[in-house]
PDB file of all heavy atoms in Angstrom:
ATOM      1  N   GLN A   1      -4.252 -10.354   0.402  1.00  0.00           N
ATOM      2  CA  GLN A   1      -4.921 -11.287   1.373  1.00  0.00           C
ATOM      3  C   GLN A   1      -4.139 -12.587   1.401  1.00  0.00           C
ATOM      4  O   GLN A   1      -3.925 -13.328   0.417  1.00  0.00           O
ATOM      5  CB  GLN A   1      -6.333 -11.536   0.950  1.00  0.00           C
ATOM      6  CG  GLN A   1      -7.176 -12.314   1.929  1.00  0.00           C
ATOM      7  CD  GLN A   1      -8.676 -12.245   1.592  1.00  0.00           C
ATOM      8  OE1 GLN A   1      -9.014 -12.197   0.387  1.00  0.00           O
ATOM      9  NE2 GLN A   1      -9.494 -12.417   2.599  1.00  0.00           N
ATOM     10  N   ALA A   2      -3.758 -12.892   2.659  1.00  0.00           N
ATOM     11  CA  ALA A   2      -3.047 -14.168   2.964  1.00  0.00           C
ATOM     12  C   ALA A   2      -4.104 -15.137   3.378  1.00  0.00           C
ATOM     13  O   ALA A   2      -5.164 -14.747   3.901  1.00  0.00           O
ATOM     14  CB  ALA A   2      -1.995 -13.911   4.036  1.00  0.00           C
ATOM     15  N   PRO A   3      -3.700 -16.418   3.276  1.00  0.00           N
ATOM     16  CA  PRO A   3      -4.698 -17.453   3.702  1.00  0.00           C
ATOM     17  C   PRO A   3      -5.035 -17.303   5.201  1.00  0.00           C
ATOM     18  O   PRO A   3      -4.266 -17.204   6.056  1.00  0.00           O
ATOM     19  CB  PRO A   3      -3.919 -18.725   3.461  1.00  0.00           C
ATOM     20  CG  PRO A   3      -2.901 -18.436   2.361  1.00  0.00           C
ATOM     21  CD  PRO A   3      -2.555 -17.047   2.571  1.00  0.00           C
ATOM     22  N   GLY A   4      -6.387 -17.305   5.437  1.00  0.00           N
ATOM     23  CA  GLY A   4      -6.752 -17.263   6.818  1.00  0.00           C
ATOM     24  C   GLY A   4      -6.825 -15.881   7.439  1.00  0.00           C
ATOM     25  O   GLY A   4      -7.250 -15.718   8.667  1.00  0.00           O
ATOM     26  N   LYS A   5      -6.484 -14.790   6.631  1.00  0.00           N
ATOM     27  CA  LYS A   5      -6.352 -13.484   7.103  1.00  0.00           C
ATOM     28  C   LYS A   5      -7.375 -12.663   6.300  1.00  0.00           C
ATOM     29  O   LYS A   5      -7.658 -12.921   5.219  1.00  0.00           O
ATOM     30  CB  LYS A   5      -4.884 -12.975   7.038  1.00  0.00           C
ATOM     31  CG  LYS A   5      -4.024 -13.774   7.935  1.00  0.00           C
ATOM     32  CD  LYS A   5      -2.635 -13.145   8.077  1.00  0.00           C
ATOM     33  CE  LYS A   5      -2.728 -11.821   8.834  1.00  0.00           C
ATOM     34  NZ  LYS A   5      -1.367 -11.201   9.001  1.00  0.00           N
ATOM     35  N   GLU A   6      -7.592 -11.368   6.916  1.00  0.00           N
ATOM     36  CA  GLU A   6      -8.512 -10.446   6.156  1.00  0.00           C
ATOM     37  C   GLU A   6      -7.566  -9.775   5.181  1.00  0.00           C
ATOM     38  O   GLU A   6      -6.397  -9.566   5.288  1.00  0.00           O
ATOM     39  CB  GLU A   6      -9.016  -9.434   7.168  1.00  0.00           C
ATOM     40  CG  GLU A   6      -9.992 -10.032   8.148  1.00  0.00           C
ATOM     41  CD  GLU A   6     -10.644  -9.030   9.046  1.00  0.00           C
ATOM     42  OE1 GLU A   6     -10.128  -7.814   8.947  1.00  0.00           O
ATOM     43  OE2 GLU A   6     -11.719  -9.274   9.689  1.00  0.00           O
ATOM     44  N   ARG A   7      -8.230  -9.241   4.203  1.00  0.00           N
ATOM     45  CA  ARG A   7      -7.674  -8.454   3.114  1.00  0.00           C
ATOM     46  C   ARG A   7      -7.203  -7.036   3.743  1.00  0.00           C
ATOM     47  O   ARG A   7      -7.918  -6.509   4.531  1.00  0.00           O
ATOM     48  CB  ARG A   7      -8.570  -8.190   1.911  1.00  0.00           C
ATOM     49  CG  ARG A   7      -7.949  -7.504   0.815  1.00  0.00           C
ATOM     50  CD  ARG A   7      -8.755  -7.735  -0.490  1.00  0.00           C
ATOM     51  NE  ARG A   7     -10.119  -7.288  -0.448  1.00  0.00           N
ATOM     52  CZ  ARG A   7     -11.030  -7.494  -1.262  1.00  0.00           C
ATOM     53  NH1 ARG A   7     -10.784  -8.139  -2.376  1.00  0.00           N
ATOM     54  NH2 ARG A   7     -12.361  -7.064  -0.989  1.00  0.00           N
ATOM     55  N   GLU A   8      -5.935  -6.669   3.367  1.00  0.00           N
ATOM     56  CA  GLU A   8      -5.392  -5.462   3.930  1.00  0.00           C
ATOM     57  C   GLU A   8      -4.910  -4.527   2.890  1.00  0.00           C
ATOM     58  O   GLU A   8      -4.320  -5.062   1.863  1.00  0.00           O
ATOM     59  CB  GLU A   8      -4.326  -5.725   5.095  1.00  0.00           C
ATOM     60  CG  GLU A   8      -3.077  -6.421   4.455  1.00  0.00           C
ATOM     61  CD  GLU A   8      -2.030  -6.751   5.384  1.00  0.00           C
ATOM     62  OE1 GLU A   8      -2.079  -6.087   6.501  1.00  0.00           O
ATOM     63  OE2 GLU A   8      -1.149  -7.501   5.135  1.00  0.00           O
ATOM     64  N   GLY A   9      -4.862  -3.266   3.162  1.00  0.00           N
ATOM     65  CA  GLY A   9      -4.345  -2.227   2.195  1.00  0.00           C
ATOM     66  C   GLY A   9      -2.811  -2.348   2.259  1.00  0.00           C
ATOM     67  O   GLY A   9      -2.224  -2.347   3.334  1.00  0.00           O
ATOM     68  N   VAL A  10      -2.129  -2.267   1.152  1.00  0.00           N
ATOM     69  CA  VAL A  10      -0.749  -2.300   0.984  1.00  0.00           C
ATOM     70  C   VAL A  10      -0.157  -0.937   0.663  1.00  0.00           C
ATOM     71  O   VAL A  10       0.694  -0.341   1.270  1.00  0.00           O
ATOM     72  CB  VAL A  10      -0.138  -3.278  -0.129  1.00  0.00           C
ATOM     73  CG1 VAL A  10       1.340  -3.203  -0.136  1.00  0.00           C
ATOM     74  CG2 VAL A  10      -0.768  -4.655   0.426  1.00  0.00           C
ATOM     75  N   SER A  11      -0.764  -0.209  -0.447  1.00  0.00           N
ATOM     76  CA  SER A  11      -0.206   0.937  -0.999  1.00  0.00           C
ATOM     77  C   SER A  11      -1.314   1.636  -1.839  1.00  0.00           C
ATOM     78  O   SER A  11      -2.237   0.924  -2.327  1.00  0.00           O
ATOM     79  CB  SER A  11       0.990   0.689  -1.747  1.00  0.00           C
ATOM     80  OG  SER A  11       1.603   1.978  -2.186  1.00  0.00           O
ATOM     81  N   CYS A  12      -1.183   2.930  -2.063  1.00  0.00           N
ATOM     82  CA  CYS A  12      -2.111   3.635  -2.943  1.00  0.00           C
ATOM     83  C   CYS A  12      -1.453   4.796  -3.570  1.00  0.00           C
ATOM     84  O   CYS A  12      -0.576   5.470  -2.914  1.00  0.00           O
ATOM     85  CB  CYS A  12      -3.309   4.187  -2.080  1.00  0.00           C
ATOM     86  SG  CYS A  12      -4.557   5.058  -3.007  1.00  0.00           S
ATOM     87  N   ILE A  13      -1.868   5.142  -4.852  1.00  0.00           N
ATOM     88  CA  ILE A  13      -1.376   6.367  -5.434  1.00  0.00           C
ATOM     89  C   ILE A  13      -2.594   7.220  -5.835  1.00  0.00           C
ATOM     90  O   ILE A  13      -3.534   6.626  -6.433  1.00  0.00           O
ATOM     91  CB  ILE A  13      -0.478   6.034  -6.722  1.00  0.00           C
ATOM     92  CG1 ILE A  13       0.143   7.310  -7.319  1.00  0.00           C
ATOM     93  CG2 ILE A  13      -1.185   5.201  -7.717  1.00  0.00           C
ATOM     94  CD1 ILE A  13       1.264   7.005  -8.223  1.00  0.00           C
ATOM     95  N   SER A  14      -2.513   8.393  -5.386  1.00  0.00           N
ATOM     96  CA  SER A  14      -3.641   9.313  -5.767  1.00  0.00           C
ATOM     97  C   SER A  14      -3.664   9.724  -7.175  1.00  0.00           C
ATOM     98  O   SER A  14      -2.722  10.008  -7.847  1.00  0.00           O
ATOM     99  CB  SER A  14      -3.412  10.666  -4.918  1.00  0.00           C
ATOM    100  OG  SER A  14      -4.333  11.498  -5.280  1.00  0.00           O
ATOM    101  N   GLY A  15      -4.940   9.851  -7.714  1.00  0.00           N
ATOM    102  CA  GLY A  15      -5.237  10.312  -9.067  1.00  0.00           C
ATOM    103  C   GLY A  15      -5.287  11.850  -9.120  1.00  0.00           C
ATOM    104  O   GLY A  15      -5.364  12.435 -10.181  1.00  0.00           O
ATOM    105  N   THR A  16      -5.274  12.552  -7.970  1.00  0.00           N
ATOM    106  CA  THR A  16      -5.311  14.021  -7.893  1.00  0.00           C
ATOM    107  C   THR A  16      -4.040  14.655  -7.906  1.00  0.00           C
ATOM    108  O   THR A  16      -3.845  15.537  -8.801  1.00  0.00           O
ATOM    109  CB  THR A  16      -6.126  14.508  -6.656  1.00  0.00           C
ATOM    110  OG1 THR A  16      -7.474  13.794  -6.615  1.00  0.00           O
ATOM    111  CG2 THR A  16      -6.317  15.868  -6.665  1.00  0.00           C
ATOM    112  N   ASP A  17      -3.096  14.218  -7.054  1.00  0.00           N
ATOM    113  CA  ASP A  17      -1.879  14.848  -6.840  1.00  0.00           C
ATOM    114  C   ASP A  17      -0.628  13.955  -6.830  1.00  0.00           C
ATOM    115  O   ASP A  17       0.396  14.412  -6.601  1.00  0.00           O
ATOM    116  CB  ASP A  17      -1.843  15.698  -5.607  1.00  0.00           C
ATOM    117  CG  ASP A  17      -2.018  14.849  -4.332  1.00  0.00           C
ATOM    118  OD1 ASP A  17      -2.213  13.665  -4.410  1.00  0.00           O
ATOM    119  OD2 ASP A  17      -2.228  15.547  -3.377  1.00  0.00           O
ATOM    120  N   ASP A  18      -0.888  12.529  -7.171  1.00  0.00           N
ATOM    121  CA  ASP A  18       0.159  11.582  -7.286  1.00  0.00           C
ATOM    122  C   ASP A  18       0.828  11.259  -5.830  1.00  0.00           C
ATOM    123  O   ASP A  18       1.827  10.698  -5.849  1.00  0.00           O
ATOM    124  CB  ASP A  18       1.379  11.995  -8.146  1.00  0.00           C
ATOM    125  CG  ASP A  18       0.821  11.968  -9.673  1.00  0.00           C
ATOM    126  OD1 ASP A  18       0.048  11.127 -10.017  1.00  0.00           O
ATOM    127  OD2 ASP A  18       1.333  12.787 -10.505  1.00  0.00           O
ATOM    128  N   SER A  19       0.132  11.732  -4.871  1.00  0.00           N
ATOM    129  CA  SER A  19       0.655  11.419  -3.514  1.00  0.00           C
ATOM    130  C   SER A  19       0.527   9.908  -3.314  1.00  0.00           C
ATOM    131  O   SER A  19      -0.345   9.153  -3.901  1.00  0.00           O
ATOM    132  CB  SER A  19      -0.275  12.003  -2.391  1.00  0.00           C
ATOM    133  OG  SER A  19      -0.188  13.457  -2.421  1.00  0.00           O
ATOM    134  N   THR A  20       1.467   9.311  -2.495  1.00  0.00           N
ATOM    135  CA  THR A  20       1.496   7.860  -2.349  1.00  0.00           C
ATOM    136  C   THR A  20       1.369   7.484  -0.838  1.00  0.00           C
ATOM    137  O   THR A  20       1.723   8.277   0.072  1.00  0.00           O
ATOM    138  CB  THR A  20       2.867   7.306  -2.884  1.00  0.00           C
ATOM    139  OG1 THR A  20       3.865   7.986  -2.245  1.00  0.00           O
ATOM    140  CG2 THR A  20       2.912   7.420  -4.398  1.00  0.00           C
ATOM    141  N   TYR A  21       0.931   6.400  -0.659  1.00  0.00           N
ATOM    142  CA  TYR A  21       0.667   5.894   0.774  1.00  0.00           C
ATOM    143  C   TYR A  21       1.008   4.418   0.887  1.00  0.00           C
ATOM    144  O   TYR A  21       0.933   3.758  -0.041  1.00  0.00           O
ATOM    145  CB  TYR A  21      -0.927   6.169   1.199  1.00  0.00           C
ATOM    146  CG  TYR A  21      -1.432   7.562   0.887  1.00  0.00           C
ATOM    147  CD1 TYR A  21      -1.884   7.812  -0.365  1.00  0.00           C
ATOM    148  CD2 TYR A  21      -1.338   8.505   1.806  1.00  0.00           C
ATOM    149  CE1 TYR A  21      -2.390   9.127  -0.604  1.00  0.00           C
ATOM    150  CE2 TYR A  21      -1.755   9.744   1.662  1.00  0.00           C
ATOM    151  CZ  TYR A  21      -2.322  10.111   0.411  1.00  0.00           C
ATOM    152  OH  TYR A  21      -2.805  11.340   0.119  1.00  0.00           O
ATOM    153  N   TYR A  22       1.451   4.042   2.097  1.00  0.00           N
ATOM    154  CA  TYR A  22       1.912   2.687   2.341  1.00  0.00           C
ATOM    155  C   TYR A  22       1.582   2.224   3.712  1.00  0.00           C
ATOM    156  O   TYR A  22       1.497   3.034   4.693  1.00  0.00           O
ATOM    157  CB  TYR A  22       3.453   2.741   2.276  1.00  0.00           C
ATOM    158  CG  TYR A  22       3.864   3.127   0.871  1.00  0.00           C
ATOM    159  CD1 TYR A  22       4.330   4.407   0.651  1.00  0.00           C
ATOM    160  CD2 TYR A  22       4.172   2.121  -0.192  1.00  0.00           C
ATOM    161  CE1 TYR A  22       4.864   4.696  -0.577  1.00  0.00           C
ATOM    162  CE2 TYR A  22       4.644   2.515  -1.341  1.00  0.00           C
ATOM    163  CZ  TYR A  22       4.936   3.891  -1.623  1.00  0.00           C
ATOM    164  OH  TYR A  22       5.484   4.194  -2.923  1.00  0.00           O
ATOM    165  N   ALA A  23       1.312   1.013   3.836  1.00  0.00           N
ATOM    166  CA  ALA A  23       1.129   0.304   5.059  1.00  0.00           C
ATOM    167  C   ALA A  23       2.368   0.379   5.885  1.00  0.00           C
ATOM    168  O   ALA A  23       3.451   0.281   5.274  1.00  0.00           O
ATOM    169  CB  ALA A  23       0.610  -1.178   4.959  1.00  0.00           C
ATOM    170  N   ASP A  24       2.292   0.422   7.162  1.00  0.00           N
ATOM    171  CA  ASP A  24       3.597   0.496   7.984  1.00  0.00           C
ATOM    172  C   ASP A  24       4.582  -0.768   7.691  1.00  0.00           C
ATOM    173  O   ASP A  24       5.747  -0.639   7.739  1.00  0.00           O
ATOM    174  CB  ASP A  24       3.302   0.566   9.425  1.00  0.00           C
ATOM    175  CG  ASP A  24       2.685   1.887   9.848  1.00  0.00           C
ATOM    176  OD1 ASP A  24       2.894   2.858   9.153  1.00  0.00           O
ATOM    177  OD2 ASP A  24       2.078   1.881  10.930  1.00  0.00           O
ATOM    178  N   SER A  25       3.940  -1.763   7.413  1.00  0.00           N
ATOM    179  CA  SER A  25       4.640  -3.124   7.192  1.00  0.00           C
ATOM    180  C   SER A  25       5.551  -3.095   6.005  1.00  0.00           C
ATOM    181  O   SER A  25       6.424  -3.934   5.923  1.00  0.00           O
ATOM    182  CB  SER A  25       3.725  -4.249   7.229  1.00  0.00           C
ATOM    183  OG  SER A  25       2.788  -4.260   6.268  1.00  0.00           O
ATOM    184  N   VAL A  26       5.169  -2.210   5.045  1.00  0.00           N
ATOM    185  CA  VAL A  26       5.954  -2.238   3.740  1.00  0.00           C
ATOM    186  C   VAL A  26       6.745  -0.900   3.431  1.00  0.00           C
ATOM    187  O   VAL A  26       7.402  -0.890   2.496  1.00  0.00           O
ATOM    188  CB  VAL A  26       5.027  -2.591   2.516  1.00  0.00           C
ATOM    189  CG1 VAL A  26       4.287  -3.743   2.815  1.00  0.00           C
ATOM    190  CG2 VAL A  26       4.019  -1.332   2.244  1.00  0.00           C
ATOM    191  N   LYS A  27       6.685   0.083   4.378  1.00  0.00           N
ATOM    192  CA  LYS A  27       7.293   1.322   4.119  1.00  0.00           C
ATOM    193  C   LYS A  27       8.818   1.015   4.080  1.00  0.00           C
ATOM    194  O   LYS A  27       9.410   0.434   4.758  1.00  0.00           O
ATOM    195  CB  LYS A  27       7.041   2.226   5.229  1.00  0.00           C
ATOM    196  CG  LYS A  27       5.601   2.924   5.213  1.00  0.00           C
ATOM    197  CD  LYS A  27       5.432   3.816   6.459  1.00  0.00           C
ATOM    198  CE  LYS A  27       3.998   4.449   6.279  1.00  0.00           C
ATOM    199  NZ  LYS A  27       3.685   5.314   7.504  1.00  0.00           N
ATOM    200  N   GLY A  28       9.438   1.676   3.056  1.00  0.00           N
ATOM    201  CA  GLY A  28      10.847   1.580   2.727  1.00  0.00           C
ATOM    202  C   GLY A  28      11.205   0.326   1.929  1.00  0.00           C
ATOM    203  O   GLY A  28      12.363   0.202   1.459  1.00  0.00           O
ATOM    204  N   ARG A  29      10.253  -0.536   1.758  1.00  0.00           N
ATOM    205  CA  ARG A  29      10.526  -1.780   0.949  1.00  0.00           C
ATOM    206  C   ARG A  29       9.721  -1.732  -0.405  1.00  0.00           C
ATOM    207  O   ARG A  29      10.250  -2.213  -1.347  1.00  0.00           O
ATOM    208  CB  ARG A  29      10.268  -2.995   1.775  1.00  0.00           C
ATOM    209  CG  ARG A  29      10.972  -3.147   3.040  1.00  0.00           C
ATOM    210  CD  ARG A  29      10.825  -4.570   3.587  1.00  0.00           C
ATOM    211  NE  ARG A  29       9.397  -4.726   3.990  1.00  0.00           N
ATOM    212  CZ  ARG A  29       8.596  -5.667   3.549  1.00  0.00           C
ATOM    213  NH1 ARG A  29       9.171  -6.588   2.659  1.00  0.00           N
ATOM    214  NH2 ARG A  29       7.412  -5.871   3.993  1.00  0.00           N
ATOM    215  N   PHE A  30       8.514  -1.162  -0.431  1.00  0.00           N
ATOM    216  CA  PHE A  30       7.744  -1.204  -1.603  1.00  0.00           C
ATOM    217  C   PHE A  30       7.629   0.195  -2.054  1.00  0.00           C
ATOM    218  O   PHE A  30       7.534   1.200  -1.324  1.00  0.00           O
ATOM    219  CB  PHE A  30       6.296  -1.625  -1.287  1.00  0.00           C
ATOM    220  CG  PHE A  30       6.246  -3.147  -0.881  1.00  0.00           C
ATOM    221  CD1 PHE A  30       7.319  -3.863  -0.672  1.00  0.00           C
ATOM    222  CD2 PHE A  30       4.964  -3.705  -0.707  1.00  0.00           C
ATOM    223  CE1 PHE A  30       7.212  -5.219  -0.378  1.00  0.00           C
ATOM    224  CE2 PHE A  30       4.845  -5.035  -0.410  1.00  0.00           C
ATOM    225  CZ  PHE A  30       5.897  -5.756  -0.189  1.00  0.00           C
ATOM    226  N   THR A  31       7.448   0.389  -3.427  1.00  0.00           N
ATOM    227  CA  THR A  31       7.263   1.635  -4.093  1.00  0.00           C
ATOM    228  C   THR A  31       6.163   1.537  -5.141  1.00  0.00           C
ATOM    229  O   THR A  31       6.177   0.568  -6.080  1.00  0.00           O
ATOM    230  CB  THR A  31       8.603   2.086  -4.808  1.00  0.00           C
ATOM    231  OG1 THR A  31       9.606   2.243  -3.946  1.00  0.00           O
ATOM    232  CG2 THR A  31       8.172   3.424  -5.511  1.00  0.00           C
ATOM    233  N   ILE A  32       5.141   2.419  -5.091  1.00  0.00           N
ATOM    234  CA  ILE A  32       4.057   2.398  -6.033  1.00  0.00           C
ATOM    235  C   ILE A  32       4.371   3.519  -7.060  1.00  0.00           C
ATOM    236  O   ILE A  32       4.803   4.586  -6.728  1.00  0.00           O
ATOM    237  CB  ILE A  32       2.685   2.560  -5.372  1.00  0.00           C
ATOM    238  CG1 ILE A  32       1.541   2.313  -6.300  1.00  0.00           C
ATOM    239  CG2 ILE A  32       2.552   4.005  -4.728  1.00  0.00           C
ATOM    240  CD1 ILE A  32       0.145   2.308  -5.686  1.00  0.00           C
ATOM    241  N   SER A  33       3.999   3.252  -8.404  1.00  0.00           N
ATOM    242  CA  SER A  33       4.265   4.281  -9.403  1.00  0.00           C
ATOM    243  C   SER A  33       3.259   4.069 -10.535  1.00  0.00           C
ATOM    244  O   SER A  33       2.543   3.156 -10.528  1.00  0.00           O
ATOM    245  CB  SER A  33       5.634   4.112  -9.958  1.00  0.00           C
ATOM    246  OG  SER A  33       5.916   2.859 -10.572  1.00  0.00           O
TER     247      SER A  33
END
């Protein structure tokens, strides 16, 4: 959450199959593990 903006999802890692998900704005730059 940035000042004056709504909270937004950045990334997620699944507890079922370890699948990962990323917001378009961070794809290729961020890695969740």
